[in-house]
């Protein structure tokens, strides 16, 4: 696929700010539509780029959204209310952003182009719009700040993926669109189907004084427990670049820069 015009909704967010930079570095023209709900300044370093444009508006302004989507070759809808607690806090807004936005984009794309659907594993790693409330990021943050982890339902497993690997996956989808259109792919590290305890033990290798306590009497509000296969995406030649260990080392450095800030600045709640 030729170098195209890309629209990213929510492009100033945790994933979007990373993806925007990756696409610009690979020659794409990128417009970001974001209302800066969290007052983030994650795209400031990209403002001098000749192929970057920022649109400061709300993704639920559907009247405007439907007039612009047909001008783009690729639309990546990352604007979202993420996580059960955040969605429960404002169900009406969550419905507008997480469902009606997508419907508006699909209904107004010219030529009824097929999309590619990605099912993302639990994302980790540092980003210009940092988040500490994701599981790996949270565990490393607690290892530094508290020195201990209390694990509820420690045997529950999840799959994981670095935020930059997700960005490169979107790039991979654009450049392999004809092979991937109309299909769904899991995106994660095949060697990282880890329980919470296994993840904590990996982190302890880098924080030797970390205390890990399993609590068998309480439950976690987020009770996801699953093992994921990423073989379908890997069969197309996709490979991740970052391991869990890479992310833990990176996060140690990142938290040295933000540890004195109010942690609420780095969550989506």
C-alpha atoms as a PDB file:
ATOM      1  CA  UNK A   1       0.000   0.000   0.000  1.00  0.00           C
ATOM      2  CA  UNK A   2       1.322   3.475  -0.882  1.00  0.00           C
ATOM      3  CA  UNK A   3       2.046   6.078   1.781  1.00  0.00           C
ATOM      4  CA  UNK A   4      -1.431   7.216   2.770  1.00  0.00           C
ATOM      5  CA  UNK A   5      -3.383   9.679   4.847  1.00  0.00           C
ATOM      6  CA  UNK A   6      -4.231   8.188   8.224  1.00  0.00           C
ATOM      7  CA  UNK A   7      -6.764   9.406  10.790  1.00  0.00           C
ATOM      8  CA  UNK A   8      -6.293   8.258  14.387  1.00  0.00           C
ATOM      9  CA  UNK A   9      -9.078   9.049  16.827  1.00  0.00           C
ATOM     10  CA  UNK A  10      -7.799   9.204  20.389  1.00  0.00           C
ATOM     11  CA  UNK A  11      -4.331   9.626  18.943  1.00  0.00           C
ATOM     12  CA  UNK A  12      -3.015  11.538  21.966  1.00  0.00           C
ATOM     13  CA  UNK A  13      -3.607   8.552  24.231  1.00  0.00           C
ATOM     14  CA  UNK A  14      -1.330   5.812  25.573  1.00  0.00           C
ATOM     15  CA  UNK A  15      -1.286   3.800  22.362  1.00  0.00           C
ATOM     16  CA  UNK A  16      -2.177   6.583  19.926  1.00  0.00           C
ATOM     17  CA  UNK A  17       0.750   8.836  20.816  1.00  0.00           C
ATOM     18  CA  UNK A  18       3.141   5.943  20.196  1.00  0.00           C
ATOM     19  CA  UNK A  19       1.420   4.896  16.963  1.00  0.00           C
ATOM     20  CA  UNK A  20       1.351   8.448  15.597  1.00  0.00           C
ATOM     21  CA  UNK A  21       5.127   8.717  15.885  1.00  0.00           C
ATOM     22  CA  UNK A  22       5.704   5.290  14.308  1.00  0.00           C
ATOM     23  CA  UNK A  23       3.511   6.106  11.291  1.00  0.00           C
ATOM     24  CA  UNK A  24       5.116   9.524  10.784  1.00  0.00           C
ATOM     25  CA  UNK A  25       8.558   7.909  10.935  1.00  0.00           C
ATOM     26  CA  UNK A  26       7.447   5.549   8.175  1.00  0.00           C
ATOM     27  CA  UNK A  27       6.304   8.281   5.806  1.00  0.00           C
ATOM     28  CA  UNK A  28       2.569   8.448   6.473  1.00  0.00           C
ATOM     29  CA  UNK A  29       0.503  11.615   6.763  1.00  0.00           C
ATOM     30  CA  UNK A  30      -1.210  11.436  10.160  1.00  0.00           C
ATOM     31  CA  UNK A  31      -4.121  13.468  11.495  1.00  0.00           C
ATOM     32  CA  UNK A  32      -5.023  12.971  15.156  1.00  0.00           C
ATOM     33  CA  UNK A  33      -8.516  13.722  16.445  1.00  0.00           C
ATOM     34  CA  UNK A  34      -8.582  13.991  20.248  1.00  0.00           C
ATOM     35  CA  UNK A  35     -10.375  16.088  22.864  1.00  0.00           C
ATOM     36  CA  UNK A  36      -7.440  15.795  25.328  1.00  0.00           C
ATOM     37  CA  UNK A  37      -9.742  14.510  28.055  1.00  0.00           C
ATOM     38  CA  UNK A  38      -6.800  13.875  30.370  1.00  0.00           C
ATOM     39  CA  UNK A  39      -5.059  17.175  29.535  1.00  0.00           C
ATOM     40  CA  UNK A  40      -2.175  15.224  28.022  1.00  0.00           C
ATOM     41  CA  UNK A  41       0.625  16.901  26.061  1.00  0.00           C
ATOM     42  CA  UNK A  42       1.901  13.681  24.526  1.00  0.00           C
ATOM     43  CA  UNK A  43       2.085  14.944  20.929  1.00  0.00           C
ATOM     44  CA  UNK A  44       4.004  18.184  21.486  1.00  0.00           C
ATOM     45  CA  UNK A  45       7.215  16.717  20.083  1.00  0.00           C
ATOM     46  CA  UNK A  46       5.439  15.943  16.788  1.00  0.00           C
ATOM     47  CA  UNK A  47       3.970  19.388  16.105  1.00  0.00           C
ATOM     48  CA  UNK A  48       6.903  20.430  13.902  1.00  0.00           C
ATOM     49  CA  UNK A  49       6.471  17.417  11.623  1.00  0.00           C
ATOM     50  CA  UNK A  50       5.206  18.479   8.202  1.00  0.00           C
ATOM     51  CA  UNK A  51       2.981  15.389   7.873  1.00  0.00           C
ATOM     52  CA  UNK A  52       1.243  15.805  11.236  1.00  0.00           C
ATOM     53  CA  UNK A  53      -2.023  17.605  11.968  1.00  0.00           C
ATOM     54  CA  UNK A  54      -3.965  17.824  15.225  1.00  0.00           C
ATOM     55  CA  UNK A  55      -7.758  18.187  15.361  1.00  0.00           C
ATOM     56  CA  UNK A  56      -8.926  19.226  18.818  1.00  0.00           C
ATOM     57  CA  UNK A  57     -12.494  17.994  18.978  1.00  0.00           C
ATOM     58  CA  UNK A  58     -14.599  15.312  20.609  1.00  0.00           C
ATOM     59  CA  UNK A  59     -14.991  12.003  18.799  1.00  0.00           C
ATOM     60  CA  UNK A  60     -18.699  12.007  19.739  1.00  0.00           C
ATOM     61  CA  UNK A  61     -19.209  15.054  17.508  1.00  0.00           C
ATOM     62  CA  UNK A  62     -20.528  12.624  14.905  1.00  0.00           C
ATOM     63  CA  UNK A  63     -21.785  15.334  12.571  1.00  0.00           C
ATOM     64  CA  UNK A  64     -18.187  16.441  12.062  1.00  0.00           C
ATOM     65  CA  UNK A  65     -16.688  12.943  12.118  1.00  0.00           C
ATOM     66  CA  UNK A  66     -18.834  11.658   9.281  1.00  0.00           C
ATOM     67  CA  UNK A  67     -17.809  14.580   7.052  1.00  0.00           C
ATOM     68  CA  UNK A  68     -14.072  13.840   7.302  1.00  0.00           C
ATOM     69  CA  UNK A  69     -13.559  10.055   7.418  1.00  0.00           C
ATOM     70  CA  UNK A  70     -13.963   9.574   3.664  1.00  0.00           C
ATOM     71  CA  UNK A  71     -10.915  11.812   3.084  1.00  0.00           C
ATOM     72  CA  UNK A  72      -8.591   9.226   4.645  1.00  0.00           C
ATOM     73  CA  UNK A  73      -7.130   6.012   3.293  1.00  0.00           C
ATOM     74  CA  UNK A  74      -6.831   4.500   6.773  1.00  0.00           C
ATOM     75  CA  UNK A  75      -8.914   5.210   9.885  1.00  0.00           C
ATOM     76  CA  UNK A  76      -7.739   3.821  13.228  1.00  0.00           C
ATOM     77  CA  UNK A  77     -10.335   4.374  15.990  1.00  0.00           C
ATOM     78  CA  UNK A  78      -8.405   4.366  19.251  1.00  0.00           C
ATOM     79  CA  UNK A  79     -10.631   6.804  21.143  1.00  0.00           C
ATOM     80  CA  UNK A  80     -12.233   4.669  23.836  1.00  0.00           C
ATOM     81  CA  UNK A  81     -13.458   4.536  27.394  1.00  0.00           C
ATOM     82  CA  UNK A  82     -11.253   1.701  28.632  1.00  0.00           C
ATOM     83  CA  UNK A  83     -11.972  -0.763  31.422  1.00  0.00           C
ATOM     84  CA  UNK A  84     -15.042  -1.845  33.335  1.00  0.00           C
ATOM     85  CA  UNK A  85     -14.887   0.773  36.124  1.00  0.00           C
ATOM     86  CA  UNK A  86     -14.471   3.657  33.677  1.00  0.00           C
ATOM     87  CA  UNK A  87     -17.348   2.405  31.509  1.00  0.00           C
ATOM     88  CA  UNK A  88     -19.615   1.896  34.526  1.00  0.00           C
ATOM     89  CA  UNK A  89     -18.857   5.432  35.680  1.00  0.00           C
ATOM     90  CA  UNK A  90     -20.434   6.896  32.531  1.00  0.00           C
ATOM     91  CA  UNK A  91     -22.295   4.248  30.544  1.00  0.00           C
ATOM     92  CA  UNK A  92     -23.841   6.736  28.126  1.00  0.00           C
ATOM     93  CA  UNK A  93     -20.464   8.183  27.163  1.00  0.00           C
ATOM     94  CA  UNK A  94     -18.920   4.708  26.924  1.00  0.00           C
ATOM     95  CA  UNK A  95     -21.650   3.664  24.480  1.00  0.00           C
ATOM     96  CA  UNK A  96     -21.116   6.761  22.343  1.00  0.00           C
ATOM     97  CA  UNK A  97     -17.342   6.429  22.210  1.00  0.00           C
ATOM     98  CA  UNK A  98     -16.910   2.655  22.137  1.00  0.00           C
ATOM     99  CA  UNK A  99     -19.838   1.755  19.872  1.00  0.00           C
ATOM    100  CA  UNK A 100     -21.435   4.710  18.117  1.00  0.00           C
ATOM    101  CA  UNK A 101     -18.073   6.164  17.053  1.00  0.00           C
ATOM    102  CA  UNK A 102     -17.155   2.923  15.269  1.00  0.00           C
ATOM    103  CA  UNK A 103     -20.568   2.709  13.611  1.00  0.00           C
ATOM    104  CA  UNK A 104     -20.252   6.310  12.409  1.00  0.00           C
ATOM    105  CA  UNK A 105     -16.843   5.599  10.869  1.00  0.00           C
ATOM    106  CA  UNK A 106     -17.936   2.358   9.202  1.00  0.00           C
ATOM    107  CA  UNK A 107     -21.139   3.892   7.837  1.00  0.00           C
ATOM    108  CA  UNK A 108     -19.275   6.789   6.245  1.00  0.00           C
ATOM    109  CA  UNK A 109     -16.185   5.164   4.751  1.00  0.00           C
ATOM    110  CA  UNK A 110     -16.299   5.282   0.971  1.00  0.00           C
ATOM    111  CA  UNK A 111     -16.404   2.105  -1.140  1.00  0.00           C
ATOM    112  CA  UNK A 112     -17.357  -0.049   1.853  1.00  0.00           C
ATOM    113  CA  UNK A 113     -13.731  -1.011   2.502  1.00  0.00           C
ATOM    114  CA  UNK A 114     -13.161  -3.984   4.782  1.00  0.00           C
ATOM    115  CA  UNK A 115     -11.339  -3.473   8.039  1.00  0.00           C
ATOM    116  CA  UNK A 116      -8.839  -5.456  10.058  1.00  0.00           C
ATOM    117  CA  UNK A 117      -9.788  -6.268  13.650  1.00  0.00           C
ATOM    118  CA  UNK A 118      -7.082  -6.659  16.294  1.00  0.00           C
ATOM    119  CA  UNK A 119      -7.701  -8.277  19.677  1.00  0.00           C
ATOM    120  CA  UNK A 120      -4.995  -6.844  21.881  1.00  0.00           C
ATOM    121  CA  UNK A 121      -3.381  -8.602  24.807  1.00  0.00           C
ATOM    122  CA  UNK A 122      -2.764  -6.621  28.005  1.00  0.00           C
ATOM    123  CA  UNK A 123      -0.493  -3.779  26.911  1.00  0.00           C
ATOM    124  CA  UNK A 124       2.606  -2.638  28.805  1.00  0.00           C
ATOM    125  CA  UNK A 125       5.538  -0.268  28.422  1.00  0.00           C
ATOM    126  CA  UNK A 126       6.337   3.437  28.552  1.00  0.00           C
ATOM    127  CA  UNK A 127       4.525   5.970  26.389  1.00  0.00           C
ATOM    128  CA  UNK A 128       4.505   9.747  25.978  1.00  0.00           C
ATOM    129  CA  UNK A 129       0.976   9.541  27.457  1.00  0.00           C
ATOM    130  CA  UNK A 130       1.908   7.236  30.308  1.00  0.00           C
ATOM    131  CA  UNK A 131      -0.490   4.912  32.098  1.00  0.00           C
ATOM    132  CA  UNK A 132       0.303   3.229  35.392  1.00  0.00           C
ATOM    133  CA  UNK A 133      -3.028   1.390  35.718  1.00  0.00           C
ATOM    134  CA  UNK A 134      -2.219  -1.425  33.261  1.00  0.00           C
ATOM    135  CA  UNK A 135      -1.185  -4.670  34.954  1.00  0.00           C
ATOM    136  CA  UNK A 136       2.551  -4.867  34.149  1.00  0.00           C
ATOM    137  CA  UNK A 137       2.951  -1.099  34.501  1.00  0.00           C
ATOM    138  CA  UNK A 138       1.040  -1.206  37.798  1.00  0.00           C
ATOM    139  CA  UNK A 139       3.073  -4.075  39.239  1.00  0.00           C
ATOM    140  CA  UNK A 140       6.397  -2.383  38.404  1.00  0.00           C
ATOM    141  CA  UNK A 141       5.131   0.904  39.830  1.00  0.00           C
ATOM    142  CA  UNK A 142       4.128  -0.817  43.080  1.00  0.00           C
ATOM    143  CA  UNK A 143       7.457  -2.651  43.211  1.00  0.00           C
ATOM    144  CA  UNK A 144       9.199   0.741  43.218  1.00  0.00           C
ATOM    145  CA  UNK A 145       6.788   2.749  45.387  1.00  0.00           C
ATOM    146  CA  UNK A 146       5.493   0.146  47.855  1.00  0.00           C
ATOM    147  CA  UNK A 147       8.044  -2.656  47.720  1.00  0.00           C
ATOM    148  CA  UNK A 148       5.339  -5.320  47.833  1.00  0.00           C
ATOM    149  CA  UNK A 149       2.544  -6.845  45.747  1.00  0.00           C
ATOM    150  CA  UNK A 150      -0.679  -8.380  47.040  1.00  0.00           C
ATOM    151  CA  UNK A 151      -2.090 -10.799  44.473  1.00  0.00           C
ATOM    152  CA  UNK A 152      -5.747 -11.751  44.331  1.00  0.00           C
ATOM    153  CA  UNK A 153      -6.512 -14.898  42.305  1.00  0.00           C
ATOM    154  CA  UNK A 154      -2.819 -15.143  41.510  1.00  0.00           C
ATOM    155  CA  UNK A 155      -3.263 -18.182  39.245  1.00  0.00           C
ATOM    156  CA  UNK A 156      -5.352 -16.235  36.703  1.00  0.00           C
ATOM    157  CA  UNK A 157      -3.503 -15.955  33.394  1.00  0.00           C
ATOM    158  CA  UNK A 158      -3.300 -13.238  30.768  1.00  0.00           C
ATOM    159  CA  UNK A 159      -1.347 -12.542  27.611  1.00  0.00           C
ATOM    160  CA  UNK A 160       0.816  -9.408  27.231  1.00  0.00           C
ATOM    161  CA  UNK A 161       2.218  -7.133  24.492  1.00  0.00           C
ATOM    162  CA  UNK A 162       4.425  -4.025  24.433  1.00  0.00           C
ATOM    163  CA  UNK A 163       2.791  -0.743  23.385  1.00  0.00           C
ATOM    164  CA  UNK A 164       5.367  -0.216  20.623  1.00  0.00           C
ATOM    165  CA  UNK A 165       4.724  -3.695  19.266  1.00  0.00           C
ATOM    166  CA  UNK A 166       1.045  -2.766  19.009  1.00  0.00           C
ATOM    167  CA  UNK A 167       2.020   0.356  17.065  1.00  0.00           C
ATOM    168  CA  UNK A 168       4.166  -1.719  14.711  1.00  0.00           C
ATOM    169  CA  UNK A 169       1.263  -4.161  14.328  1.00  0.00           C
ATOM    170  CA  UNK A 170      -0.973  -1.392  12.987  1.00  0.00           C
ATOM    171  CA  UNK A 171       1.804  -0.504  10.548  1.00  0.00           C
ATOM    172  CA  UNK A 172       2.044  -4.188   9.598  1.00  0.00           C
ATOM    173  CA  UNK A 173      -1.716  -4.274   8.954  1.00  0.00           C
ATOM    174  CA  UNK A 174      -1.551  -1.238   6.662  1.00  0.00           C
ATOM    175  CA  UNK A 175       1.342  -2.667   4.680  1.00  0.00           C
ATOM    176  CA  UNK A 176      -0.240  -6.136   4.478  1.00  0.00           C
ATOM    177  CA  UNK A 177      -3.838  -5.002   4.109  1.00  0.00           C
ATOM    178  CA  UNK A 178      -4.729  -7.199   1.136  1.00  0.00           C
ATOM    179  CA  UNK A 179      -3.760 -10.317   3.103  1.00  0.00           C
ATOM    180  CA  UNK A 180      -5.477  -9.259   6.311  1.00  0.00           C
ATOM    181  CA  UNK A 181      -8.648  -7.392   5.333  1.00  0.00           C
ATOM    182  CA  UNK A 182     -11.902  -8.692   6.706  1.00  0.00           C
ATOM    183  CA  UNK A 183     -10.206 -10.828   9.342  1.00  0.00           C
ATOM    184  CA  UNK A 184      -9.540 -10.847  13.086  1.00  0.00           C
ATOM    185  CA  UNK A 185      -6.144 -11.375  14.746  1.00  0.00           C
ATOM    186  CA  UNK A 186      -4.916 -11.813  18.302  1.00  0.00           C
ATOM    187  CA  UNK A 187      -1.875  -9.664  19.107  1.00  0.00           C
ATOM    188  CA  UNK A 188       0.336 -10.758  21.989  1.00  0.00           C
ATOM    189  CA  UNK A 189       3.562 -12.439  23.046  1.00  0.00           C
ATOM    190  CA  UNK A 190       3.297 -16.174  22.545  1.00  0.00           C
ATOM    191  CA  UNK A 191       5.822 -16.755  25.348  1.00  0.00           C
ATOM    192  CA  UNK A 192       3.899 -14.517  27.755  1.00  0.00           C
ATOM    193  CA  UNK A 193       0.734 -16.367  28.704  1.00  0.00           C
ATOM    194  CA  UNK A 194       1.536 -15.679  32.350  1.00  0.00           C
ATOM    195  CA  UNK A 195      -0.350 -15.895  35.617  1.00  0.00           C
ATOM    196  CA  UNK A 196      -0.235 -12.898  37.934  1.00  0.00           C
ATOM    197  CA  UNK A 197       2.165 -14.819  40.153  1.00  0.00           C
ATOM    198  CA  UNK A 198       4.463 -15.686  37.248  1.00  0.00           C
ATOM    199  CA  UNK A 199       4.470 -12.024  36.193  1.00  0.00           C
ATOM    200  CA  UNK A 200       5.267 -10.888  39.746  1.00  0.00           C
ATOM    201  CA  UNK A 201       8.131 -13.384  39.937  1.00  0.00           C
ATOM    202  CA  UNK A 202       9.612 -11.986  36.713  1.00  0.00           C
ATOM    203  CA  UNK A 203       9.452  -8.479  38.167  1.00  0.00           C
ATOM    204  CA  UNK A 204      11.107  -9.681  41.391  1.00  0.00           C
ATOM    205  CA  UNK A 205      14.226 -10.600  39.393  1.00  0.00           C
ATOM    206  CA  UNK A 206      14.741  -6.850  38.888  1.00  0.00           C
ATOM    207  CA  UNK A 207      13.589  -5.808  42.374  1.00  0.00           C
ATOM    208  CA  UNK A 208      15.180  -8.350  44.697  1.00  0.00           C
ATOM    209  CA  UNK A 209      13.601  -6.913  47.846  1.00  0.00           C
ATOM    210  CA  UNK A 210      10.087  -7.096  46.423  1.00  0.00           C
ATOM    211  CA  UNK A 211       7.663  -8.923  48.724  1.00  0.00           C
ATOM    212  CA  UNK A 212       4.940 -10.951  46.990  1.00  0.00           C
ATOM    213  CA  UNK A 213       1.886 -11.958  49.014  1.00  0.00           C
ATOM    214  CA  UNK A 214      -0.950 -14.122  47.712  1.00  0.00           C
ATOM    215  CA  UNK A 215      -4.389 -13.379  49.170  1.00  0.00           C
ATOM    216  CA  UNK A 216      -6.646 -16.409  48.793  1.00  0.00           C
ATOM    217  CA  UNK A 217      -9.634 -14.796  50.518  1.00  0.00           C
ATOM    218  CA  UNK A 218     -10.403 -11.895  48.213  1.00  0.00           C
ATOM    219  CA  UNK A 219     -11.337 -11.715  44.551  1.00  0.00           C
ATOM    220  CA  UNK A 220     -10.144  -9.345  41.869  1.00  0.00           C
ATOM    221  CA  UNK A 221     -12.819  -7.169  40.206  1.00  0.00           C
ATOM    222  CA  UNK A 222     -11.018  -7.893  36.918  1.00  0.00           C
ATOM    223  CA  UNK A 223     -11.377 -11.665  36.795  1.00  0.00           C
ATOM    224  CA  UNK A 224     -10.134 -12.326  33.281  1.00  0.00           C
ATOM    225  CA  UNK A 225      -8.378 -15.692  33.023  1.00  0.00           C
ATOM    226  CA  UNK A 226      -7.325 -16.929  29.587  1.00  0.00           C
ATOM    227  CA  UNK A 227      -4.534 -18.242  27.375  1.00  0.00           C
ATOM    228  CA  UNK A 228      -4.175 -16.695  23.916  1.00  0.00           C
ATOM    229  CA  UNK A 229      -2.764 -18.057  20.657  1.00  0.00           C
ATOM    230  CA  UNK A 230      -1.096 -15.518  18.347  1.00  0.00           C
ATOM    231  CA  UNK A 231      -0.197 -18.119  15.720  1.00  0.00           C
ATOM    232  CA  UNK A 232      -2.586 -16.709  13.110  1.00  0.00           C
ATOM    233  CA  UNK A 233      -0.812 -13.326  13.011  1.00  0.00           C
ATOM    234  CA  UNK A 234       2.654 -14.885  13.297  1.00  0.00           C
ATOM    235  CA  UNK A 235       1.910 -17.057  10.242  1.00  0.00           C
ATOM    236  CA  UNK A 236       1.880 -13.871   8.134  1.00  0.00           C
ATOM    237  CA  UNK A 237       5.438 -13.008   9.163  1.00  0.00           C
ATOM    238  CA  UNK A 238       4.643 -10.710  12.089  1.00  0.00           C
ATOM    239  CA  UNK A 239       7.091 -10.802  14.994  1.00  0.00           C
ATOM    240  CA  UNK A 240       7.168  -8.755  18.220  1.00  0.00           C
ATOM    241  CA  UNK A 241      10.305  -6.801  19.117  1.00  0.00           C
ATOM    242  CA  UNK A 242       9.910  -6.392  22.879  1.00  0.00           C
ATOM    243  CA  UNK A 243       9.747  -8.966  25.665  1.00  0.00           C
ATOM    244  CA  UNK A 244       8.218  -8.686  29.130  1.00  0.00           C
ATOM    245  CA  UNK A 245      11.768  -8.287  30.465  1.00  0.00           C
ATOM    246  CA  UNK A 246      12.413  -5.399  28.065  1.00  0.00           C
ATOM    247  CA  UNK A 247       9.289  -3.696  29.366  1.00  0.00           C
ATOM    248  CA  UNK A 248      10.224  -4.121  33.033  1.00  0.00           C
ATOM    249  CA  UNK A 249      13.670  -2.567  32.450  1.00  0.00           C
ATOM    250  CA  UNK A 250      12.149   0.277  30.432  1.00  0.00           C
ATOM    251  CA  UNK A 251       9.534   0.984  33.089  1.00  0.00           C
ATOM    252  CA  UNK A 252      12.200   1.237  35.799  1.00  0.00           C
ATOM    253  CA  UNK A 253      13.750   4.154  33.904  1.00  0.00           C
ATOM    254  CA  UNK A 254      10.384   5.702  33.059  1.00  0.00           C
ATOM    255  CA  UNK A 255       9.219   5.764  36.654  1.00  0.00           C
ATOM    256  CA  UNK A 256      12.383   7.564  37.719  1.00  0.00           C
ATOM    257  CA  UNK A 257      11.062  10.459  35.607  1.00  0.00           C
ATOM    258  CA  UNK A 258       7.449  10.490  36.826  1.00  0.00           C
ATOM    259  CA  UNK A 259       7.548   8.967  40.304  1.00  0.00           C
ATOM    260  CA  UNK A 260       7.207  12.369  42.006  1.00  0.00           C
ATOM    261  CA  UNK A 261       4.126  13.291  39.997  1.00  0.00           C
ATOM    262  CA  UNK A 262       0.541  12.676  41.058  1.00  0.00           C
ATOM    263  CA  UNK A 263      -0.155   9.117  39.948  1.00  0.00           C
ATOM    264  CA  UNK A 264      -3.726  10.081  38.984  1.00  0.00           C
ATOM    265  CA  UNK A 265      -2.234  11.955  36.021  1.00  0.00           C
ATOM    266  CA  UNK A 266      -1.246   8.614  34.507  1.00  0.00           C
ATOM    267  CA  UNK A 267      -4.475   6.615  34.642  1.00  0.00           C
ATOM    268  CA  UNK A 268      -7.682   6.582  32.612  1.00  0.00           C
ATOM    269  CA  UNK A 269      -9.902   6.812  35.701  1.00  0.00           C
END
